[in-house]
Amino acid sequence: MDDTFDVRPYLRSLWQARYWLLGSALLAAILTYGLLSLLPEQYEATSLIAISEPRLVVQLDPRIDSAGDRQIDEAYP
C-alpha cells in the first residue's frame, strides 16, 4: 500500500487556473475599492470616563510624589 501523498496534481490544477484565480482576485479588489469609495467617510468616537476617589492609597517609595492630594488643573486631549 502506497502511503505517499503527491501534491503535484493539485499544484498543476492551480497553475492551469492561475488566470481565473488572479482575475477573480483582481475583480474582487476593484469592486471592493469602488464600493468603498462610494461610501461617505464617517468617523465616530465615544468614551466614558469615571473619576473617583481611590479606595486605598499606597505609597511604595517616599521619593515618588503622588497626585492624589493635589488638584490636577490640566487635561490633554
PDB file of N, CA and C in Angstrom:
ATOM      1  N   MET A   1       0.838  -1.174   0.000  1.00  0.00           N
ATOM      2  CA  MET A   1       0.000   0.000   0.000  1.00  0.00           C
ATOM      3  C   MET A   1       0.887   1.243   0.000  1.00  0.00           C
ATOM      4  N   ASP A   2       0.560   2.180  -0.862  1.00  0.00           N
ATOM      5  CA  ASP A   2       1.363   3.386  -1.013  1.00  0.00           C
ATOM      6  C   ASP A   2       0.774   4.495  -0.137  1.00  0.00           C
ATOM      7  N   ASP A   3       1.539   4.948   0.871  1.00  0.00           N
ATOM      8  CA  ASP A   3       1.057   5.965   1.802  1.00  0.00           C
ATOM      9  C   ASP A   3       1.580   7.358   1.480  1.00  0.00           C
ATOM     10  N   THR A   4       2.147   7.557   0.315  1.00  0.00           N
ATOM     11  CA  THR A   4       2.672   8.879  -0.026  1.00  0.00           C
ATOM     12  C   THR A   4       1.560   9.737  -0.615  1.00  0.00           C
ATOM     13  N   PHE A   5       1.721  11.011  -0.439  1.00  0.00           N
ATOM     14  CA  PHE A   5       0.749  11.979  -0.937  1.00  0.00           C
ATOM     15  C   PHE A   5       1.455  12.849  -1.962  1.00  0.00           C
ATOM     16  N   ASP A   6       0.931  12.897  -3.166  1.00  0.00           N
ATOM     17  CA  ASP A   6       1.547  13.667  -4.233  1.00  0.00           C
ATOM     18  C   ASP A   6       0.777  14.972  -4.413  1.00  0.00           C
ATOM     19  N   VAL A   7       1.468  16.079  -4.256  1.00  0.00           N
ATOM     20  CA  VAL A   7       0.856  17.399  -4.334  1.00  0.00           C
ATOM     21  C   VAL A   7       0.832  17.914  -5.773  1.00  0.00           C
ATOM     22  N   ARG A   8       1.617  17.336  -6.623  1.00  0.00           N
ATOM     23  CA  ARG A   8       1.774  17.846  -7.984  1.00  0.00           C
ATOM     24  C   ARG A   8       0.471  17.970  -8.768  1.00  0.00           C
ATOM     25  N   PRO A   9      -0.462  17.032  -8.689  1.00  0.00           N
ATOM     26  CA  PRO A   9      -1.720  17.235  -9.442  1.00  0.00           C
ATOM     27  C   PRO A   9      -2.499  18.466  -8.971  1.00  0.00           C
ATOM     28  N   TYR A  10      -2.458  18.736  -7.684  1.00  0.00           N
ATOM     29  CA  TYR A  10      -3.159  19.911  -7.158  1.00  0.00           C
ATOM     30  C   TYR A  10      -2.473  21.198  -7.602  1.00  0.00           C
ATOM     31  N   LEU A  11      -1.156  21.199  -7.545  1.00  0.00           N
ATOM     32  CA  LEU A  11      -0.418  22.373  -7.999  1.00  0.00           C
ATOM     33  C   LEU A  11      -0.606  22.593  -9.498  1.00  0.00           C
ATOM     34  N   ARG A  12      -0.649  21.516 -10.262  1.00  0.00           N
ATOM     35  CA  ARG A  12      -0.867  21.620 -11.705  1.00  0.00           C
ATOM     36  C   ARG A  12      -2.246  22.215 -11.989  1.00  0.00           C
ATOM     37  N   SER A  13      -3.254  21.801 -11.242  1.00  0.00           N
ATOM     38  CA  SER A  13      -4.606  22.350 -11.423  1.00  0.00           C
ATOM     39  C   SER A  13      -4.644  23.833 -11.090  1.00  0.00           C
ATOM     40  N   LEU A  14      -3.977  24.210 -10.003  1.00  0.00           N
ATOM     41  CA  LEU A  14      -3.920  25.628  -9.645  1.00  0.00           C
ATOM     42  C   LEU A  14      -3.174  26.429 -10.701  1.00  0.00           C
ATOM     43  N   TRP A  15      -2.106  25.873 -11.228  1.00  0.00           N
ATOM     44  CA  TRP A  15      -1.319  26.577 -12.239  1.00  0.00           C
ATOM     45  C   TRP A  15      -2.130  26.755 -13.528  1.00  0.00           C
ATOM     46  N   GLN A  16      -2.922  25.762 -13.888  1.00  0.00           N
ATOM     47  CA  GLN A  16      -3.745  25.868 -15.087  1.00  0.00           C
ATOM     48  C   GLN A  16      -4.873  26.884 -14.911  1.00  0.00           C
ATOM     49  N   ALA A  17      -5.318  27.077 -13.690  1.00  0.00           N
ATOM     50  CA  ALA A  17      -6.398  28.025 -13.414  1.00  0.00           C
ATOM     51  C   ALA A  17      -5.870  29.350 -12.885  1.00  0.00           C
ATOM     52  N   ARG A  18      -4.582  29.615 -13.065  1.00  0.00           N
ATOM     53  CA  ARG A  18      -3.975  30.809 -12.461  1.00  0.00           C
ATOM     54  C   ARG A  18      -4.597  32.097 -12.975  1.00  0.00           C
ATOM     55  N   TYR A  19      -4.939  32.162 -14.262  1.00  0.00           N
ATOM     56  CA  TYR A  19      -5.518  33.393 -14.795  1.00  0.00           C
ATOM     57  C   TYR A  19      -6.918  33.627 -14.242  1.00  0.00           C
ATOM     58  N   TRP A  20      -7.694  32.571 -14.068  1.00  0.00           N
ATOM     59  CA  TRP A  20      -9.010  32.717 -13.459  1.00  0.00           C
ATOM     60  C   TRP A  20      -8.884  33.153 -11.998  1.00  0.00           C
ATOM     61  N   LEU A  21      -7.945  32.576 -11.283  1.00  0.00           N
ATOM     62  CA  LEU A  21      -7.764  32.930  -9.870  1.00  0.00           C
ATOM     63  C   LEU A  21      -7.286  34.365  -9.719  1.00  0.00           C
ATOM     64  N   LEU A  22      -6.280  34.756 -10.502  1.00  0.00           N
ATOM     65  CA  LEU A  22      -5.772  36.126 -10.426  1.00  0.00           C
ATOM     66  C   LEU A  22      -6.822  37.131 -10.892  1.00  0.00           C
ATOM     67  N   GLY A  23      -7.550  36.779 -11.949  1.00  0.00           N
ATOM     68  CA  GLY A  23      -8.604  37.668 -12.431  1.00  0.00           C
ATOM     69  C   GLY A  23      -9.715  37.846 -11.415  1.00  0.00           C
ATOM     70  N   SER A  24     -10.093  36.766 -10.759  1.00  0.00           N
ATOM     71  CA  SER A  24     -11.138  36.852  -9.729  1.00  0.00           C
ATOM     72  C   SER A  24     -10.684  37.706  -8.554  1.00  0.00           C
ATOM     73  N   ALA A  25      -9.438  37.530  -8.131  1.00  0.00           N
ATOM     74  CA  ALA A  25      -8.918  38.327  -7.018  1.00  0.00           C
ATOM     75  C   ALA A  25      -8.833  39.800  -7.407  1.00  0.00           C
ATOM     76  N   LEU A  26      -8.391  40.082  -8.633  1.00  0.00           N
ATOM     77  CA  LEU A  26      -8.296  41.468  -9.094  1.00  0.00           C
ATOM     78  C   LEU A  26      -9.679  42.091  -9.221  1.00  0.00           C
ATOM     79  N   LEU A  27     -10.638  41.345  -9.742  1.00  0.00           N
ATOM     80  CA  LEU A  27     -12.003  41.851  -9.854  1.00  0.00           C
ATOM     81  C   LEU A  27     -12.600  42.132  -8.476  1.00  0.00           C
ATOM     82  N   ALA A  28     -12.368  41.252  -7.521  1.00  0.00           N
ATOM     83  CA  ALA A  28     -12.866  41.472  -6.158  1.00  0.00           C
ATOM     84  C   ALA A  28     -12.232  42.713  -5.547  1.00  0.00           C
ATOM     85  N   ALA A  29     -10.942  42.920  -5.777  1.00  0.00           N
ATOM     86  CA  ALA A  29     -10.266  44.102  -5.235  1.00  0.00           C
ATOM     87  C   ALA A  29     -10.814  45.377  -5.871  1.00  0.00           C
ATOM     88  N   ILE A  30     -11.038  45.365  -7.184  1.00  0.00           N
ATOM     89  CA  ILE A  30     -11.562  46.552  -7.867  1.00  0.00           C
ATOM     90  C   ILE A  30     -12.983  46.851  -7.405  1.00  0.00           C
ATOM     91  N   LEU A  31     -13.818  45.833  -7.300  1.00  0.00           N
ATOM     92  CA  LEU A  31     -15.190  46.044  -6.822  1.00  0.00           C
ATOM     93  C   LEU A  31     -15.216  46.554  -5.388  1.00  0.00           C
ATOM     94  N   THR A  32     -14.366  46.014  -4.546  1.00  0.00           N
ATOM     95  CA  THR A  32     -14.304  46.471  -3.157  1.00  0.00           C
ATOM     96  C   THR A  32     -13.869  47.923  -3.086  1.00  0.00           C
ATOM     97  N   TYR A  33     -12.852  48.285  -3.850  1.00  0.00           N
ATOM     98  CA  TYR A  33     -12.386  49.676  -3.860  1.00  0.00           C
ATOM     99  C   TYR A  33     -13.488  50.602  -4.371  1.00  0.00           C
ATOM    100  N   GLY A  34     -14.169  50.184  -5.428  1.00  0.00           N
ATOM    101  CA  GLY A  34     -15.233  51.014  -5.979  1.00  0.00           C
ATOM    102  C   GLY A  34     -16.376  51.214  -5.006  1.00  0.00           C
ATOM    103  N   LEU A  35     -16.796  50.147  -4.345  1.00  0.00           N
ATOM    104  CA  LEU A  35     -17.891  50.275  -3.385  1.00  0.00           C
ATOM    105  C   LEU A  35     -17.487  51.104  -2.173  1.00  0.00           C
ATOM    106  N   LEU A  36     -16.263  50.926  -1.702  1.00  0.00           N
ATOM    107  CA  LEU A  36     -15.821  51.693  -0.537  1.00  0.00           C
ATOM    108  C   LEU A  36     -15.606  53.161  -0.871  1.00  0.00           C
ATOM    109  N   SER A  37     -15.261  53.475  -2.109  1.00  0.00           N
ATOM    110  CA  SER A  37     -15.077  54.880  -2.470  1.00  0.00           C
ATOM    111  C   SER A  37     -16.420  55.599  -2.587  1.00  0.00           C
ATOM    112  N   LEU A  38     -17.509  54.861  -2.773  1.00  0.00           N
ATOM    113  CA  LEU A  38     -18.832  55.476  -2.836  1.00  0.00           C
ATOM    114  C   LEU A  38     -19.402  55.783  -1.457  1.00  0.00           C
ATOM    115  N   LEU A  39     -18.927  55.099  -0.440  1.00  0.00           N
ATOM    116  CA  LEU A  39     -19.445  55.312   0.910  1.00  0.00           C
ATOM    117  C   LEU A  39     -18.937  56.631   1.474  1.00  0.00           C
ATOM    118  N   PRO A  40     -19.776  57.345   2.218  1.00  0.00           N
ATOM    119  CA  PRO A  40     -19.295  58.579   2.849  1.00  0.00           C
ATOM    120  C   PRO A  40     -18.335  58.257   3.989  1.00  0.00           C
ATOM    121  N   GLU A  41     -17.399  59.172   4.192  1.00  0.00           N
ATOM    122  CA  GLU A  41     -16.437  58.975   5.276  1.00  0.00           C
ATOM    123  C   GLU A  41     -17.108  59.322   6.597  1.00  0.00           C
ATOM    124  N   GLN A  42     -17.140  58.385   7.490  1.00  0.00           N
ATOM    125  CA  GLN A  42     -17.753  58.589   8.795  1.00  0.00           C
ATOM    126  C   GLN A  42     -16.754  58.202   9.867  1.00  0.00           C
ATOM    127  N   TYR A  43     -16.590  59.087  10.802  1.00  0.00           N
ATOM    128  CA  TYR A  43     -15.715  58.814  11.934  1.00  0.00           C
ATOM    129  C   TYR A  43     -16.490  59.137  13.196  1.00  0.00           C
ATOM    130  N   GLU A  44     -16.484  58.223  14.123  1.00  0.00           N
ATOM    131  CA  GLU A  44     -17.189  58.438  15.378  1.00  0.00           C
ATOM    132  C   GLU A  44     -16.378  57.819  16.502  1.00  0.00           C
ATOM    133  N   ALA A  45     -16.256  58.571  17.563  1.00  0.00           N
ATOM    134  CA  ALA A  45     -15.546  58.058  18.725  1.00  0.00           C
ATOM    135  C   ALA A  45     -16.321  58.457  19.974  1.00  0.00           C
ATOM    136  N   THR A  46     -16.455  57.536  20.874  1.00  0.00           N
ATOM    137  CA  THR A  46     -17.107  57.822  22.143  1.00  0.00           C
ATOM    138  C   THR A  46     -16.241  57.287  23.265  1.00  0.00           C
ATOM    139  N   SER A  47     -16.357  57.930  24.386  1.00  0.00           N
ATOM    140  CA  SER A  47     -15.620  57.450  25.552  1.00  0.00           C
ATOM    141  C   SER A  47     -16.406  57.803  26.807  1.00  0.00           C
ATOM    142  N   LEU A  48     -16.159  57.055  27.816  1.00  0.00           N
ATOM    143  CA  LEU A  48     -16.782  57.277  29.111  1.00  0.00           C
ATOM    144  C   LEU A  48     -15.669  57.259  30.143  1.00  0.00           C
ATOM    145  N   ILE A  49     -15.565  58.333  30.889  1.00  0.00           N
ATOM    146  CA  ILE A  49     -14.500  58.448  31.881  1.00  0.00           C
ATOM    147  C   ILE A  49     -15.138  58.532  33.260  1.00  0.00           C
ATOM    148  N   ALA A  50     -14.696  57.701  34.140  1.00  0.00           N
ATOM    149  CA  ALA A  50     -15.173  57.727  35.519  1.00  0.00           C
ATOM    150  C   ALA A  50     -14.037  58.209  36.413  1.00  0.00           C
ATOM    151  N   ILE A  51     -14.286  59.273  37.133  1.00  0.00           N
ATOM    152  CA  ILE A  51     -13.295  59.816  38.059  1.00  0.00           C
ATOM    153  C   ILE A  51     -13.820  59.593  39.469  1.00  0.00           C
ATOM    154  N   SER A  52     -13.054  58.894  40.259  1.00  0.00           N
ATOM    155  CA  SER A  52     -13.489  58.605  41.622  1.00  0.00           C
ATOM    156  C   SER A  52     -12.291  58.697  42.563  1.00  0.00           C
ATOM    157  N   GLU A  53     -12.599  58.789  43.810  1.00  0.00           N
ATOM    158  CA  GLU A  53     -11.549  58.815  44.823  1.00  0.00           C
ATOM    159  C   GLU A  53     -10.968  57.413  44.970  1.00  0.00           C
ATOM    160  N   PRO A  54      -9.676  57.324  45.172  1.00  0.00           N
ATOM    161  CA  PRO A  54      -9.093  55.992  45.364  1.00  0.00           C
ATOM    162  C   PRO A  54      -9.544  55.400  46.699  1.00  0.00           C
ATOM    163  N   ARG A  55      -9.818  54.114  46.697  1.00  0.00           N
ATOM    164  CA  ARG A  55     -10.217  53.436  47.927  1.00  0.00           C
ATOM    165  C   ARG A  55      -9.035  53.204  48.849  1.00  0.00           C
ATOM    166  N   LEU A  56      -7.879  53.025  48.248  1.00  0.00           N
ATOM    167  CA  LEU A  56      -6.688  52.722  49.022  1.00  0.00           C
ATOM    168  C   LEU A  56      -5.522  53.494  48.426  1.00  0.00           C
ATOM    169  N   VAL A  57      -4.816  54.233  49.251  1.00  0.00           N
ATOM    170  CA  VAL A  57      -3.654  54.979  48.785  1.00  0.00           C
ATOM    171  C   VAL A  57      -2.416  54.240  49.257  1.00  0.00           C
ATOM    172  N   VAL A  58      -1.619  53.805  48.313  1.00  0.00           N
ATOM    173  CA  VAL A  58      -0.405  53.061  48.616  1.00  0.00           C
ATOM    174  C   VAL A  58       0.778  53.893  48.165  1.00  0.00           C
ATOM    175  N   GLN A  59       1.713  54.090  49.065  1.00  0.00           N
ATOM    176  CA  GLN A  59       2.922  54.810  48.713  1.00  0.00           C
ATOM    177  C   GLN A  59       4.085  53.839  48.874  1.00  0.00           C
ATOM    178  N   LEU A  60       4.617  53.411  47.738  1.00  0.00           N
ATOM    179  CA  LEU A  60       5.679  52.422  47.764  1.00  0.00           C
ATOM    180  C   LEU A  60       7.041  53.041  48.053  1.00  0.00           C
ATOM    181  N   ASP A  61       7.253  54.243  47.576  1.00  0.00           N
ATOM    182  CA  ASP A  61       8.542  54.904  47.747  1.00  0.00           C
ATOM    183  C   ASP A  61       8.276  56.366  48.080  1.00  0.00           C
ATOM    184  N   PRO A  62       8.795  56.874  49.190  1.00  0.00           N
ATOM    185  CA  PRO A  62       8.506  58.265  49.566  1.00  0.00           C
ATOM    186  C   PRO A  62       9.098  59.280  48.595  1.00  0.00           C
ATOM    187  N   ARG A  63      10.036  58.869  47.757  1.00  0.00           N
ATOM    188  CA  ARG A  63      10.617  59.801  46.787  1.00  0.00           C
ATOM    189  C   ARG A  63       9.692  60.050  45.604  1.00  0.00           C
ATOM    190  N   ILE A  64       8.704  59.181  45.416  1.00  0.00           N
ATOM    191  CA  ILE A  64       7.778  59.330  44.300  1.00  0.00           C
ATOM    192  C   ILE A  64       6.565  60.096  44.792  1.00  0.00           C
ATOM    193  N   ASP A  65       6.296  61.234  44.150  1.00  0.00           N
ATOM    194  CA  ASP A  65       5.191  62.090  44.549  1.00  0.00           C
ATOM    195  C   ASP A  65       3.896  61.572  43.933  1.00  0.00           C
ATOM    196  N   SER A  66       2.853  61.568  44.704  1.00  0.00           N
ATOM    197  CA  SER A  66       1.556  61.123  44.237  1.00  0.00           C
ATOM    198  C   SER A  66       0.695  62.333  43.921  1.00  0.00           C
ATOM    199  N   ALA A  67      -0.139  62.218  42.916  1.00  0.00           N
ATOM    200  CA  ALA A  67      -1.036  63.308  42.556  1.00  0.00           C
ATOM    201  C   ALA A  67      -2.371  63.171  43.273  1.00  0.00           C
ATOM    202  N   GLY A  68      -2.475  62.273  44.213  1.00  0.00           N
ATOM    203  CA  GLY A  68      -3.735  62.031  44.896  1.00  0.00           C
ATOM    204  C   GLY A  68      -4.202  63.194  45.743  1.00  0.00           C
ATOM    205  N   ASP A  69      -3.285  63.972  46.327  1.00  0.00           N
ATOM    206  CA  ASP A  69      -3.668  65.064  47.211  1.00  0.00           C
ATOM    207  C   ASP A  69      -3.711  66.407  46.494  1.00  0.00           C
ATOM    208  N   ARG A  70      -3.242  66.448  45.273  1.00  0.00           N
ATOM    209  CA  ARG A  70      -3.195  67.716  44.545  1.00  0.00           C
ATOM    210  C   ARG A  70      -4.346  67.804  43.552  1.00  0.00           C
ATOM    211  N   GLN A  71      -4.755  69.020  43.269  1.00  0.00           N
ATOM    212  CA  GLN A  71      -5.772  69.267  42.252  1.00  0.00           C
ATOM    213  C   GLN A  71      -5.081  69.316  40.892  1.00  0.00           C
ATOM    214  N   ILE A  72      -5.517  68.495  39.987  1.00  0.00           N
ATOM    215  CA  ILE A  72      -4.950  68.492  38.642  1.00  0.00           C
ATOM    216  C   ILE A  72      -5.746  69.490  37.813  1.00  0.00           C
ATOM    217  N   ASP A  73      -5.064  70.499  37.277  1.00  0.00           N
ATOM    218  CA  ASP A  73      -5.763  71.558  36.567  1.00  0.00           C
ATOM    219  C   ASP A  73      -5.488  71.564  35.065  1.00  0.00           C
ATOM    220  N   GLU A  74      -4.823  70.553  34.555  1.00  0.00           N
ATOM    221  CA  GLU A  74      -4.584  70.478  33.122  1.00  0.00           C
ATOM    222  C   GLU A  74      -5.067  69.134  32.608  1.00  0.00           C
ATOM    223  N   ALA A  75      -5.636  69.171  31.448  1.00  0.00           N
ATOM    224  CA  ALA A  75      -6.049  67.936  30.793  1.00  0.00           C
ATOM    225  C   ALA A  75      -5.606  68.005  29.341  1.00  0.00           C
ATOM    226  N   TYR A  76      -5.109  66.933  28.865  1.00  0.00           N
ATOM    227  CA  TYR A  76      -4.639  66.876  27.486  1.00  0.00           C
ATOM    228  C   TYR A  76      -5.565  65.969  26.692  1.00  0.00           C
ATOM    229  N   PRO A  77      -5.864  66.354  25.468  1.00  0.00           N
ATOM    230  CA  PRO A  77      -6.774  65.518  24.663  1.00  0.00           C
ATOM    231  C   PRO A  77      -6.150  64.208  24.259  1.00  0.00           C
TER     232      PRO A  77
END
